Amino acid sequence: MRLIAVDTDRGKRLDAFVHERLPEFSRSRIQAWIKGGLVLVGPRTEKPSFLLRGGEEIDVEPAHPAPLHAEPEDIPLEVLYEDSAVVVVNKPAGMVVHAGAGVKDGTLVNALLHRFGGLSAIGGELRPGIVHRLDRFTSGALVVAKNDAAHQDLALQFSSRKVEKVYLSLITGRLDGKGRIEKPITRDPRNRARMTAKLDTGRASRTDWEAIEHFDGFTFLRIQLGTGRTHQIRAHMASLGHPVAGDPLYGAAKSAWDRYFLHAHRLGFRSPATGETVLVVAPLAPELEAWKASLPRVEV
């Protein structure tokens, strides 16, 4: 396509000008086109920072980015359970499960491919073996399928709610006893980065919680999920006015531990390889143990 720079475009950077005219493409994508020779100012290629004088004819040949695929990386993994069909790993906080949203490497998938080679292909080249996910700053047990049959079996167990998912969390404020939250969860229309359970629309969700210990300003909870929605625990606890400690996206103060306090503690499922019930426990992450130990305890 051909774009014409007019007098009012004088002094604009080339990449900014093209982005103004083609806003459906990101500026980083446009910069890649310019550097790759796909944007010509007259007969010449220029740098993204080239300043227009007005009157230039600019030819743009849009190109789609090359499809991404995960590459093996030598990243340490803690394996909690393994058989011929599945592996359960203890994901550390800060590690993204698979590439996306600007993250291309250092993911759990990269580490899994290096450790185990081929995995289930059902999730595609970016998500081999991935049946379910944990948020970036949630640590704990995550099961991965080694082959397609195992992936299908596990996916059915998750969708039919036959997988036991128990989390440990520190929430702000005090909660006593136990309770159940059954509020639908949907994307927050005011902030697309988070979910909300404060509206009457969304997907049905169930979270059961039980208070285990009380601290000054916090409650330590055991949480069992009846469904598996995006940010479910974080959104449900925030809807009660007790967001997960260290989770500023949902209203808590940022912690000194560079994460929020949410850990996938126990995962129970039927192994596609043996048919036997597997119960895997991921010990509380060391930084969460230290965080908890730093808090003054309050007796009931």
C-alpha atoms as a PDB file:
ATOM      1  CA  MET A   1       0.000   0.000   0.000  1.00  0.00           C
ATOM      2  CA  ARG A   2       1.124   3.553  -0.626  1.00  0.00           C
ATOM      3  CA  LEU A   3       0.938   6.315   1.998  1.00  0.00           C
ATOM      4  CA  ILE A   4       1.483  10.003   1.195  1.00  0.00           C
ATOM      5  CA  ALA A   5       3.094  12.289   3.780  1.00  0.00           C
ATOM      6  CA  VAL A   6       1.573  15.787   3.737  1.00  0.00           C
ATOM      7  CA  ASP A   7       2.942  19.078   5.080  1.00  0.00           C
ATOM      8  CA  THR A   8       1.468  18.476   8.544  1.00  0.00           C
ATOM      9  CA  ASP A   9       3.507  15.254   8.768  1.00  0.00           C
ATOM     10  CA  ARG A  10       6.757  17.194   8.562  1.00  0.00           C
ATOM     11  CA  GLY A  11       9.084  16.261  11.441  1.00  0.00           C
ATOM     12  CA  LYS A  12       7.321  13.017  12.284  1.00  0.00           C
ATOM     13  CA  ARG A  13       9.309   9.823  12.694  1.00  0.00           C
ATOM     14  CA  LEU A  14       8.742   7.288   9.939  1.00  0.00           C
ATOM     15  CA  ASP A  15       7.565   4.556  12.339  1.00  0.00           C
ATOM     16  CA  ALA A  16       5.168   6.954  14.089  1.00  0.00           C
ATOM     17  CA  PHE A  17       3.718   8.141  10.782  1.00  0.00           C
ATOM     18  CA  VAL A  18       3.083   4.602   9.516  1.00  0.00           C
ATOM     19  CA  HIS A  19       1.532   3.640  12.857  1.00  0.00           C
ATOM     20  CA  GLU A  20      -0.817   6.640  12.681  1.00  0.00           C
ATOM     21  CA  ARG A  21      -1.988   5.561   9.225  1.00  0.00           C
ATOM     22  CA  LEU A  22      -2.116   1.831  10.110  1.00  0.00           C
ATOM     23  CA  PRO A  23      -3.168   1.766  13.782  1.00  0.00           C
ATOM     24  CA  GLU A  24      -4.312  -1.856  13.568  1.00  0.00           C
ATOM     25  CA  PHE A  25      -0.627  -2.855  13.593  1.00  0.00           C
ATOM     26  CA  SER A  26       1.609  -2.366  16.638  1.00  0.00           C
ATOM     27  CA  ARG A  27       4.459   0.105  16.469  1.00  0.00           C
ATOM     28  CA  SER A  28       6.963  -2.683  17.202  1.00  0.00           C
ATOM     29  CA  ARG A  29       5.578  -4.647  14.224  1.00  0.00           C
ATOM     30  CA  ILE A  30       5.945  -1.594  11.996  1.00  0.00           C
ATOM     31  CA  GLN A  31       9.506  -1.022  13.202  1.00  0.00           C
ATOM     32  CA  ALA A  32      10.295  -4.629  12.274  1.00  0.00           C
ATOM     33  CA  TRP A  33       8.899  -4.002   8.772  1.00  0.00           C
ATOM     34  CA  ILE A  34      11.047  -0.898   8.356  1.00  0.00           C
ATOM     35  CA  LYS A  35      14.198  -2.677   9.498  1.00  0.00           C
ATOM     36  CA  GLY A  36      13.343  -5.604   7.229  1.00  0.00           C
ATOM     37  CA  GLY A  37      13.092  -3.429   4.119  1.00  0.00           C
ATOM     38  CA  LEU A  38       9.320  -3.696   3.819  1.00  0.00           C
ATOM     39  CA  VAL A  39       8.813   0.083   4.063  1.00  0.00           C
ATOM     40  CA  LEU A  40      10.276   2.297   1.319  1.00  0.00           C
ATOM     41  CA  VAL A  41      10.487   6.088   1.354  1.00  0.00           C
ATOM     42  CA  GLY A  42      10.533   6.723  -2.357  1.00  0.00           C
ATOM     43  CA  PRO A  43      13.068   4.200  -3.693  1.00  0.00           C
ATOM     44  CA  ARG A  44      15.059   3.979  -0.421  1.00  0.00           C
ATOM     45  CA  THR A  45      14.910   2.159   2.864  1.00  0.00           C
ATOM     46  CA  GLU A  46      15.253   4.330   5.967  1.00  0.00           C
ATOM     47  CA  LYS A  47      15.543   3.858   9.713  1.00  0.00           C
ATOM     48  CA  PRO A  48      12.435   3.928  11.939  1.00  0.00           C
ATOM     49  CA  SER A  49      13.687   7.253  13.336  1.00  0.00           C
ATOM     50  CA  PHE A  50      13.868   8.890   9.877  1.00  0.00           C
ATOM     51  CA  LEU A  51      12.172  12.306  10.031  1.00  0.00           C
ATOM     52  CA  LEU A  52       9.713  13.130   7.296  1.00  0.00           C
ATOM     53  CA  ARG A  53       9.815  16.429   5.403  1.00  0.00           C
ATOM     54  CA  GLY A  54       6.336  16.151   3.876  1.00  0.00           C
ATOM     55  CA  GLY A  55       5.472  15.097   0.357  1.00  0.00           C
ATOM     56  CA  GLU A  56       7.119  11.643   0.519  1.00  0.00           C
ATOM     57  CA  GLU A  57       5.526   8.592  -1.055  1.00  0.00           C
ATOM     58  CA  ILE A  58       5.872   5.683   1.360  1.00  0.00           C
ATOM     59  CA  ASP A  59       5.265   2.137   0.173  1.00  0.00           C
ATOM     60  CA  VAL A  60       4.412  -0.425   2.857  1.00  0.00           C
ATOM     61  CA  GLU A  61       4.325  -4.178   2.341  1.00  0.00           C
ATOM     62  CA  PRO A  62       2.665  -5.558   5.512  1.00  0.00           C
ATOM     63  CA  ALA A  63       4.024  -8.880   6.695  1.00  0.00           C
ATOM     64  CA  HIS A  64       2.628 -11.207   9.315  1.00  0.00           C
ATOM     65  CA  PRO A  65       5.098 -12.280  12.003  1.00  0.00           C
ATOM     66  CA  ALA A  66       6.581 -15.727  11.710  1.00  0.00           C
ATOM     67  CA  PRO A  67       4.579 -18.231  13.753  1.00  0.00           C
ATOM     68  CA  LEU A  68       6.029 -18.749  17.204  1.00  0.00           C
ATOM     69  CA  HIS A  69       6.989 -22.127  18.538  1.00  0.00           C
ATOM     70  CA  ALA A  70       8.549 -23.127  21.817  1.00  0.00           C
ATOM     71  CA  GLU A  71      12.242 -24.018  21.964  1.00  0.00           C
ATOM     72  CA  PRO A  72      13.887 -26.195  24.640  1.00  0.00           C
ATOM     73  CA  GLU A  73      15.811 -24.301  27.318  1.00  0.00           C
ATOM     74  CA  ASP A  74      17.974 -25.692  30.096  1.00  0.00           C
ATOM     75  CA  ILE A  75      15.968 -24.361  33.050  1.00  0.00           C
ATOM     76  CA  PRO A  76      15.823 -26.275  36.355  1.00  0.00           C
ATOM     77  CA  LEU A  77      12.538 -28.020  37.140  1.00  0.00           C
ATOM     78  CA  GLU A  78      11.310 -29.648  40.339  1.00  0.00           C
ATOM     79  CA  VAL A  79       9.406 -32.805  39.410  1.00  0.00           C
ATOM     80  CA  LEU A  80       6.873 -33.932  42.010  1.00  0.00           C
ATOM     81  CA  TYR A  81       5.460 -36.957  40.142  1.00  0.00           C
ATOM     82  CA  GLU A  82       6.028 -38.725  36.834  1.00  0.00           C
ATOM     83  CA  ASP A  83       4.709 -41.769  34.996  1.00  0.00           C
ATOM     84  CA  SER A  84       4.534 -42.735  31.328  1.00  0.00           C
ATOM     85  CA  ALA A  85       1.583 -40.410  30.638  1.00  0.00           C
ATOM     86  CA  VAL A  86       2.013 -37.336  32.832  1.00  0.00           C
ATOM     87  CA  VAL A  87       4.450 -35.278  34.852  1.00  0.00           C
ATOM     88  CA  VAL A  88       3.617 -32.958  37.735  1.00  0.00           C
ATOM     89  CA  VAL A  89       6.027 -30.090  38.353  1.00  0.00           C
ATOM     90  CA  ASN A  90       6.329 -27.531  41.126  1.00  0.00           C
ATOM     91  CA  LYS A  91       6.130 -24.251  39.208  1.00  0.00           C
ATOM     92  CA  PRO A  92       7.984 -21.365  40.856  1.00  0.00           C
ATOM     93  CA  ALA A  93       6.437 -17.911  41.139  1.00  0.00           C
ATOM     94  CA  GLY A  94       7.528 -15.573  38.353  1.00  0.00           C
ATOM     95  CA  MET A  95       7.663 -18.275  35.672  1.00  0.00           C
ATOM     96  CA  VAL A  96       5.132 -17.973  32.853  1.00  0.00           C
ATOM     97  CA  VAL A  97       3.598 -21.288  31.771  1.00  0.00           C
ATOM     98  CA  HIS A  98       3.899 -20.664  28.020  1.00  0.00           C
ATOM     99  CA  ALA A  99       4.960 -17.908  25.640  1.00  0.00           C
ATOM    100  CA  GLY A 100       2.636 -15.015  24.853  1.00  0.00           C
ATOM    101  CA  ALA A 101       1.986 -11.346  25.665  1.00  0.00           C
ATOM    102  CA  GLY A 102       5.593 -10.358  25.034  1.00  0.00           C
ATOM    103  CA  VAL A 103       7.156 -13.391  26.755  1.00  0.00           C
ATOM    104  CA  LYS A 104       9.064 -15.615  24.334  1.00  0.00           C
ATOM    105  CA  ASP A 105      11.453 -17.611  26.495  1.00  0.00           C
ATOM    106  CA  GLY A 106      12.167 -18.670  30.053  1.00  0.00           C
ATOM    107  CA  THR A 107       8.745 -20.321  30.290  1.00  0.00           C
ATOM    108  CA  LEU A 108       7.724 -23.593  31.871  1.00  0.00           C
ATOM    109  CA  VAL A 109       7.144 -25.024  28.396  1.00  0.00           C
ATOM    110  CA  ASN A 110      10.733 -24.185  27.393  1.00  0.00           C
ATOM    111  CA  ALA A 111      11.979 -26.015  30.475  1.00  0.00           C
ATOM    112  CA  LEU A 112       9.673 -29.000  29.905  1.00  0.00           C
ATOM    113  CA  LEU A 113      10.807 -29.462  26.312  1.00  0.00           C
ATOM    114  CA  HIS A 114      14.448 -29.554  27.407  1.00  0.00           C
ATOM    115  CA  ARG A 115      13.722 -32.028  30.210  1.00  0.00           C
ATOM    116  CA  PHE A 116      11.232 -34.349  28.523  1.00  0.00           C
ATOM    117  CA  GLY A 117      11.471 -33.786  24.776  1.00  0.00           C
ATOM    118  CA  GLY A 118       8.175 -34.354  22.961  1.00  0.00           C
ATOM    119  CA  LEU A 119       4.916 -33.652  24.797  1.00  0.00           C
ATOM    120  CA  SER A 120       1.256 -33.673  23.828  1.00  0.00           C
ATOM    121  CA  ALA A 121       0.689 -31.683  20.631  1.00  0.00           C
ATOM    122  CA  ILE A 122      -2.986 -30.870  21.239  1.00  0.00           C
ATOM    123  CA  GLY A 123      -2.163 -27.459  22.715  1.00  0.00           C
ATOM    124  CA  GLY A 124      -0.186 -26.451  19.622  1.00  0.00           C
ATOM    125  CA  GLU A 125       3.454 -25.459  19.183  1.00  0.00           C
ATOM    126  CA  LEU A 126       3.343 -22.786  21.880  1.00  0.00           C
ATOM    127  CA  ARG A 127       1.611 -24.919  24.528  1.00  0.00           C
ATOM    128  CA  PRO A 128       2.804 -28.515  24.162  1.00  0.00           C
ATOM    129  CA  GLY A 129       1.574 -30.666  27.032  1.00  0.00           C
ATOM    130  CA  ILE A 130      -0.292 -27.839  28.778  1.00  0.00           C
ATOM    131  CA  VAL A 131      -3.696 -28.955  30.067  1.00  0.00           C
ATOM    132  CA  HIS A 132      -4.211 -26.227  32.686  1.00  0.00           C
ATOM    133  CA  ARG A 133      -2.310 -23.154  33.841  1.00  0.00           C
ATOM    134  CA  LEU A 134      -1.229 -21.265  36.913  1.00  0.00           C
ATOM    135  CA  ASP A 135      -0.886 -17.483  36.928  1.00  0.00           C
ATOM    136  CA  ARG A 136       2.654 -16.159  36.596  1.00  0.00           C
ATOM    137  CA  PHE A 137       3.067 -15.336  40.291  1.00  0.00           C
ATOM    138  CA  THR A 138       1.209 -18.394  41.564  1.00  0.00           C
ATOM    139  CA  SER A 139       3.488 -21.266  42.539  1.00  0.00           C
ATOM    140  CA  GLY A 140       2.799 -24.955  42.992  1.00  0.00           C
ATOM    141  CA  ALA A 141       1.634 -28.198  41.413  1.00  0.00           C
ATOM    142  CA  LEU A 142       0.857 -28.283  37.693  1.00  0.00           C
ATOM    143  CA  VAL A 143       0.223 -31.453  35.659  1.00  0.00           C
ATOM    144  CA  VAL A 144       1.497 -31.808  32.081  1.00  0.00           C
ATOM    145  CA  ALA A 145       0.482 -34.394  29.462  1.00  0.00           C
ATOM    146  CA  LYS A 146       3.236 -36.359  27.735  1.00  0.00           C
ATOM    147  CA  ASN A 147       1.053 -37.525  24.843  1.00  0.00           C
ATOM    148  CA  ASP A 148      -2.233 -36.682  23.128  1.00  0.00           C
ATOM    149  CA  ALA A 149      -4.214 -39.505  24.734  1.00  0.00           C
ATOM    150  CA  ALA A 150      -3.151 -38.362  28.195  1.00  0.00           C
ATOM    151  CA  HIS A 151      -4.008 -34.755  27.279  1.00  0.00           C
ATOM    152  CA  GLN A 152      -7.530 -35.708  26.220  1.00  0.00           C
ATOM    153  CA  ASP A 153      -8.031 -37.812  29.348  1.00  0.00           C
ATOM    154  CA  LEU A 154      -6.855 -35.045  31.680  1.00  0.00           C
ATOM    155  CA  ALA A 155      -8.843 -32.373  29.846  1.00  0.00           C
ATOM    156  CA  LEU A 156     -11.996 -34.440  30.383  1.00  0.00           C
ATOM    157  CA  GLN A 157     -11.179 -34.831  34.084  1.00  0.00           C
ATOM    158  CA  PHE A 158     -10.758 -31.065  34.430  1.00  0.00           C
ATOM    159  CA  SER A 159     -13.911 -30.206  32.471  1.00  0.00           C
ATOM    160  CA  SER A 160     -16.002 -32.711  34.454  1.00  0.00           C
ATOM    161  CA  ARG A 161     -14.581 -31.305  37.717  1.00  0.00           C
ATOM    162  CA  LYS A 162     -13.000 -34.573  38.817  1.00  0.00           C
ATOM    163  CA  VAL A 163      -9.605 -33.009  39.553  1.00  0.00           C
ATOM    164  CA  GLU A 164      -8.944 -32.018  43.176  1.00  0.00           C
ATOM    165  CA  LYS A 165      -7.348 -28.558  43.371  1.00  0.00           C
ATOM    166  CA  VAL A 166      -6.336 -27.257  46.780  1.00  0.00           C
ATOM    167  CA  TYR A 167      -4.534 -23.939  47.283  1.00  0.00           C
ATOM    168  CA  LEU A 168      -2.976 -22.159  50.226  1.00  0.00           C
ATOM    169  CA  SER A 169      -3.334 -18.394  50.424  1.00  0.00           C
ATOM    170  CA  LEU A 170      -2.794 -15.485  52.741  1.00  0.00           C
ATOM    171  CA  ILE A 171      -5.569 -12.919  52.397  1.00  0.00           C
ATOM    172  CA  THR A 172      -5.835  -9.432  53.827  1.00  0.00           C
ATOM    173  CA  GLY A 173      -8.056  -8.901  56.856  1.00  0.00           C
ATOM    174  CA  ARG A 174      -9.742 -11.495  59.043  1.00  0.00           C
ATOM    175  CA  LEU A 175     -12.016 -14.348  58.033  1.00  0.00           C
ATOM    176  CA  ASP A 176     -13.252 -16.952  60.511  1.00  0.00           C
ATOM    177  CA  GLY A 177     -14.516 -20.469  60.040  1.00  0.00           C
ATOM    178  CA  LYS A 178     -15.237 -21.601  56.522  1.00  0.00           C
ATOM    179  CA  GLY A 179     -17.366 -20.547  53.592  1.00  0.00           C
ATOM    180  CA  ARG A 180     -18.274 -20.940  49.950  1.00  0.00           C
ATOM    181  CA  ILE A 181     -18.211 -18.262  47.246  1.00  0.00           C
ATOM    182  CA  GLU A 182     -20.508 -18.815  44.282  1.00  0.00           C
ATOM    183  CA  LYS A 183     -20.253 -15.666  42.209  1.00  0.00           C
ATOM    184  CA  PRO A 184     -19.934 -15.554  38.417  1.00  0.00           C
ATOM    185  CA  ILE A 185     -16.615 -14.307  37.077  1.00  0.00           C
ATOM    186  CA  THR A 186     -16.141 -12.139  33.998  1.00  0.00           C
ATOM    187  CA  ARG A 187     -13.595  -9.741  32.525  1.00  0.00           C
ATOM    188  CA  ASP A 188     -13.553  -6.432  34.409  1.00  0.00           C
ATOM    189  CA  PRO A 189     -14.872  -3.809  31.954  1.00  0.00           C
ATOM    190  CA  ARG A 190     -12.852  -1.077  33.724  1.00  0.00           C
ATOM    191  CA  ASN A 191      -9.548  -2.962  33.666  1.00  0.00           C
ATOM    192  CA  ARG A 192      -9.101  -5.677  31.039  1.00  0.00           C
ATOM    193  CA  ALA A 193      -6.060  -7.075  32.853  1.00  0.00           C
ATOM    194  CA  ARG A 194      -8.199  -8.473  35.641  1.00  0.00           C
ATOM    195  CA  MET A 195     -11.391 -10.405  36.239  1.00  0.00           C
ATOM    196  CA  THR A 196     -14.247  -9.461  38.530  1.00  0.00           C
ATOM    197  CA  ALA A 197     -16.853 -11.276  40.613  1.00  0.00           C
ATOM    198  CA  LYS A 198     -18.674  -8.067  41.520  1.00  0.00           C
ATOM    199  CA  LEU A 199     -21.078  -8.141  38.565  1.00  0.00           C
ATOM    200  CA  ASP A 200     -24.055 -10.420  38.013  1.00  0.00           C
ATOM    201  CA  THR A 201     -22.726 -11.733  34.716  1.00  0.00           C
ATOM    202  CA  GLY A 202     -20.008 -14.188  33.742  1.00  0.00           C
ATOM    203  CA  ARG A 203     -19.176 -17.852  34.130  1.00  0.00           C
ATOM    204  CA  ALA A 204     -20.454 -19.795  37.130  1.00  0.00           C
ATOM    205  CA  SER A 205     -17.677 -20.280  39.685  1.00  0.00           C
ATOM    206  CA  ARG A 206     -17.284 -21.954  43.063  1.00  0.00           C
ATOM    207  CA  THR A 207     -14.574 -21.455  45.676  1.00  0.00           C
ATOM    208  CA  ASP A 208     -14.579 -23.122  49.114  1.00  0.00           C
ATOM    209  CA  TRP A 209     -12.360 -21.620  51.804  1.00  0.00           C
ATOM    210  CA  GLU A 210     -11.393 -22.469  55.362  1.00  0.00           C
ATOM    211  CA  ALA A 211      -9.449 -20.296  57.801  1.00  0.00           C
ATOM    212  CA  ILE A 212      -6.382 -22.112  59.157  1.00  0.00           C
ATOM    213  CA  GLU A 213      -4.395 -19.429  61.001  1.00  0.00           C
ATOM    214  CA  HIS A 214      -4.782 -15.765  61.873  1.00  0.00           C
ATOM    215  CA  PHE A 215      -2.081 -13.119  61.777  1.00  0.00           C
ATOM    216  CA  ASP A 216      -2.021  -9.401  62.430  1.00  0.00           C
ATOM    217  CA  GLY A 217      -3.954  -8.068  59.437  1.00  0.00           C
ATOM    218  CA  PHE A 218      -4.073 -11.381  57.546  1.00  0.00           C
ATOM    219  CA  THR A 219      -5.760 -14.806  57.441  1.00  0.00           C
ATOM    220  CA  PHE A 220      -4.133 -17.989  56.165  1.00  0.00           C
ATOM    221  CA  LEU A 221      -6.634 -20.010  54.134  1.00  0.00           C
ATOM    222  CA  ARG A 222      -6.990 -23.472  52.680  1.00  0.00           C
ATOM    223  CA  ILE A 223      -8.968 -23.104  49.438  1.00  0.00           C
ATOM    224  CA  GLN A 224     -10.554 -25.762  47.242  1.00  0.00           C
ATOM    225  CA  LEU A 225     -11.729 -24.921  43.735  1.00  0.00           C
ATOM    226  CA  GLY A 226     -14.950 -26.323  42.351  1.00  0.00           C
ATOM    227  CA  THR A 227     -14.326 -24.634  38.997  1.00  0.00           C
ATOM    228  CA  GLY A 228     -11.236 -23.373  37.203  1.00  0.00           C
ATOM    229  CA  ARG A 229     -11.818 -19.816  36.013  1.00  0.00           C
ATOM    230  CA  THR A 230      -9.123 -17.274  35.176  1.00  0.00           C
ATOM    231  CA  HIS A 231      -7.925 -15.521  38.371  1.00  0.00           C
ATOM    232  CA  GLN A 232     -10.721 -17.313  40.233  1.00  0.00           C
ATOM    233  CA  ILE A 233      -9.312 -17.175  43.773  1.00  0.00           C
ATOM    234  CA  ARG A 234      -7.961 -13.665  43.296  1.00  0.00           C
ATOM    235  CA  ALA A 235     -11.288 -12.331  41.969  1.00  0.00           C
ATOM    236  CA  HIS A 236     -13.450 -14.186  44.490  1.00  0.00           C
ATOM    237  CA  MET A 237     -11.431 -13.101  47.529  1.00  0.00           C
ATOM    238  CA  ALA A 238     -11.363  -9.503  46.269  1.00  0.00           C
ATOM    239  CA  SER A 239     -15.162  -9.629  45.940  1.00  0.00           C
ATOM    240  CA  LEU A 240     -15.338 -10.313  49.689  1.00  0.00           C
ATOM    241  CA  GLY A 241     -13.105  -7.341  50.412  1.00  0.00           C
ATOM    242  CA  HIS A 242     -10.207  -9.638  51.336  1.00  0.00           C
ATOM    243  CA  PRO A 243      -7.824  -9.692  48.346  1.00  0.00           C
ATOM    244  CA  VAL A 244      -4.876 -12.076  48.252  1.00  0.00           C
ATOM    245  CA  ALA A 245      -1.926 -10.551  50.113  1.00  0.00           C
ATOM    246  CA  GLY A 246       0.589  -8.878  47.812  1.00  0.00           C
ATOM    247  CA  ASP A 247      -1.822  -8.680  44.855  1.00  0.00           C
ATOM    248  CA  PRO A 248      -2.110  -4.992  43.863  1.00  0.00           C
ATOM    249  CA  LEU A 249      -4.118  -5.812  40.724  1.00  0.00           C
ATOM    250  CA  TYR A 250      -6.977  -6.823  43.018  1.00  0.00           C
ATOM    251  CA  GLY A 251      -6.569  -4.136  45.665  1.00  0.00           C
ATOM    252  CA  ALA A 252      -3.923  -5.415  48.096  1.00  0.00           C
ATOM    253  CA  ALA A 253      -0.697  -3.600  48.891  1.00  0.00           C
ATOM    254  CA  LYS A 254       2.360  -4.778  46.988  1.00  0.00           C
ATOM    255  CA  SER A 255       4.529  -7.113  49.050  1.00  0.00           C
ATOM    256  CA  ALA A 256       8.272  -7.106  49.678  1.00  0.00           C
ATOM    257  CA  TRP A 257       8.416 -10.649  48.298  1.00  0.00           C
ATOM    258  CA  ASP A 258       7.909  -9.767  44.605  1.00  0.00           C
ATOM    259  CA  ARG A 259       4.799 -11.933  44.363  1.00  0.00           C
ATOM    260  CA  TYR A 260       1.382 -12.477  45.881  1.00  0.00           C
ATOM    261  CA  PHE A 261       0.620 -15.236  48.393  1.00  0.00           C
ATOM    262  CA  LEU A 262      -1.099 -17.972  46.399  1.00  0.00           C
ATOM    263  CA  HIS A 263       0.182 -21.531  46.096  1.00  0.00           C
ATOM    264  CA  ALA A 264      -1.269 -24.629  44.355  1.00  0.00           C
ATOM    265  CA  HIS A 265      -0.705 -27.023  47.244  1.00  0.00           C
ATOM    266  CA  ARG A 266      -2.435 -30.255  46.260  1.00  0.00           C
ATOM    267  CA  LEU A 267      -3.506 -31.788  42.964  1.00  0.00           C
ATOM    268  CA  GLY A 268      -5.502 -35.002  42.728  1.00  0.00           C
ATOM    269  CA  PHE A 269      -6.371 -36.791  39.469  1.00  0.00           C
ATOM    270  CA  ARG A 270      -6.579 -40.217  37.844  1.00  0.00           C
ATOM    271  CA  SER A 271      -3.453 -41.175  35.929  1.00  0.00           C
ATOM    272  CA  PRO A 272      -4.255 -41.909  32.270  1.00  0.00           C
ATOM    273  CA  ALA A 273      -1.400 -44.455  32.321  1.00  0.00           C
ATOM    274  CA  THR A 274      -2.378 -46.559  35.336  1.00  0.00           C
ATOM    275  CA  GLY A 275      -5.976 -45.637  36.113  1.00  0.00           C
ATOM    276  CA  GLU A 276      -4.909 -45.120  39.718  1.00  0.00           C
ATOM    277  CA  THR A 277      -5.664 -41.977  41.721  1.00  0.00           C
ATOM    278  CA  VAL A 278      -2.639 -39.724  42.045  1.00  0.00           C
ATOM    279  CA  LEU A 279      -2.409 -37.186  44.871  1.00  0.00           C
ATOM    280  CA  VAL A 280       0.518 -34.759  44.590  1.00  0.00           C
ATOM    281  CA  VAL A 281       1.489 -32.240  47.268  1.00  0.00           C
ATOM    282  CA  ALA A 282       3.697 -29.235  46.529  1.00  0.00           C
ATOM    283  CA  PRO A 283       5.335 -27.873  49.713  1.00  0.00           C
ATOM    284  CA  LEU A 284       4.731 -24.205  50.368  1.00  0.00           C
ATOM    285  CA  ALA A 285       7.342 -22.154  48.491  1.00  0.00           C
ATOM    286  CA  PRO A 286      10.291 -21.090  50.696  1.00  0.00           C
ATOM    287  CA  GLU A 287       9.596 -17.377  50.231  1.00  0.00           C
ATOM    288  CA  LEU A 288       5.989 -17.928  51.323  1.00  0.00           C
ATOM    289  CA  GLU A 289       7.150 -19.817  54.410  1.00  0.00           C
ATOM    290  CA  ALA A 290       9.446 -16.873  55.209  1.00  0.00           C
ATOM    291  CA  TRP A 291       6.642 -14.371  54.569  1.00  0.00           C
ATOM    292  CA  LYS A 292       4.297 -16.268  56.865  1.00  0.00           C
ATOM    293  CA  ALA A 293       6.968 -16.609  59.571  1.00  0.00           C
ATOM    294  CA  SER A 294       7.542 -12.839  59.517  1.00  0.00           C
ATOM    295  CA  LEU A 295       3.961 -12.080  60.579  1.00  0.00           C
ATOM    296  CA  PRO A 296       2.810 -11.697  64.194  1.00  0.00           C
ATOM    297  CA  ARG A 297       0.394 -14.501  64.916  1.00  0.00           C
ATOM    298  CA  VAL A 298      -3.013 -13.787  66.491  1.00  0.00           C
ATOM    299  CA  GLU A 299      -4.635 -16.432  68.654  1.00  0.00           C
ATOM    300  CA  VAL A 300      -8.294 -17.198  67.983  1.00  0.00           C
END
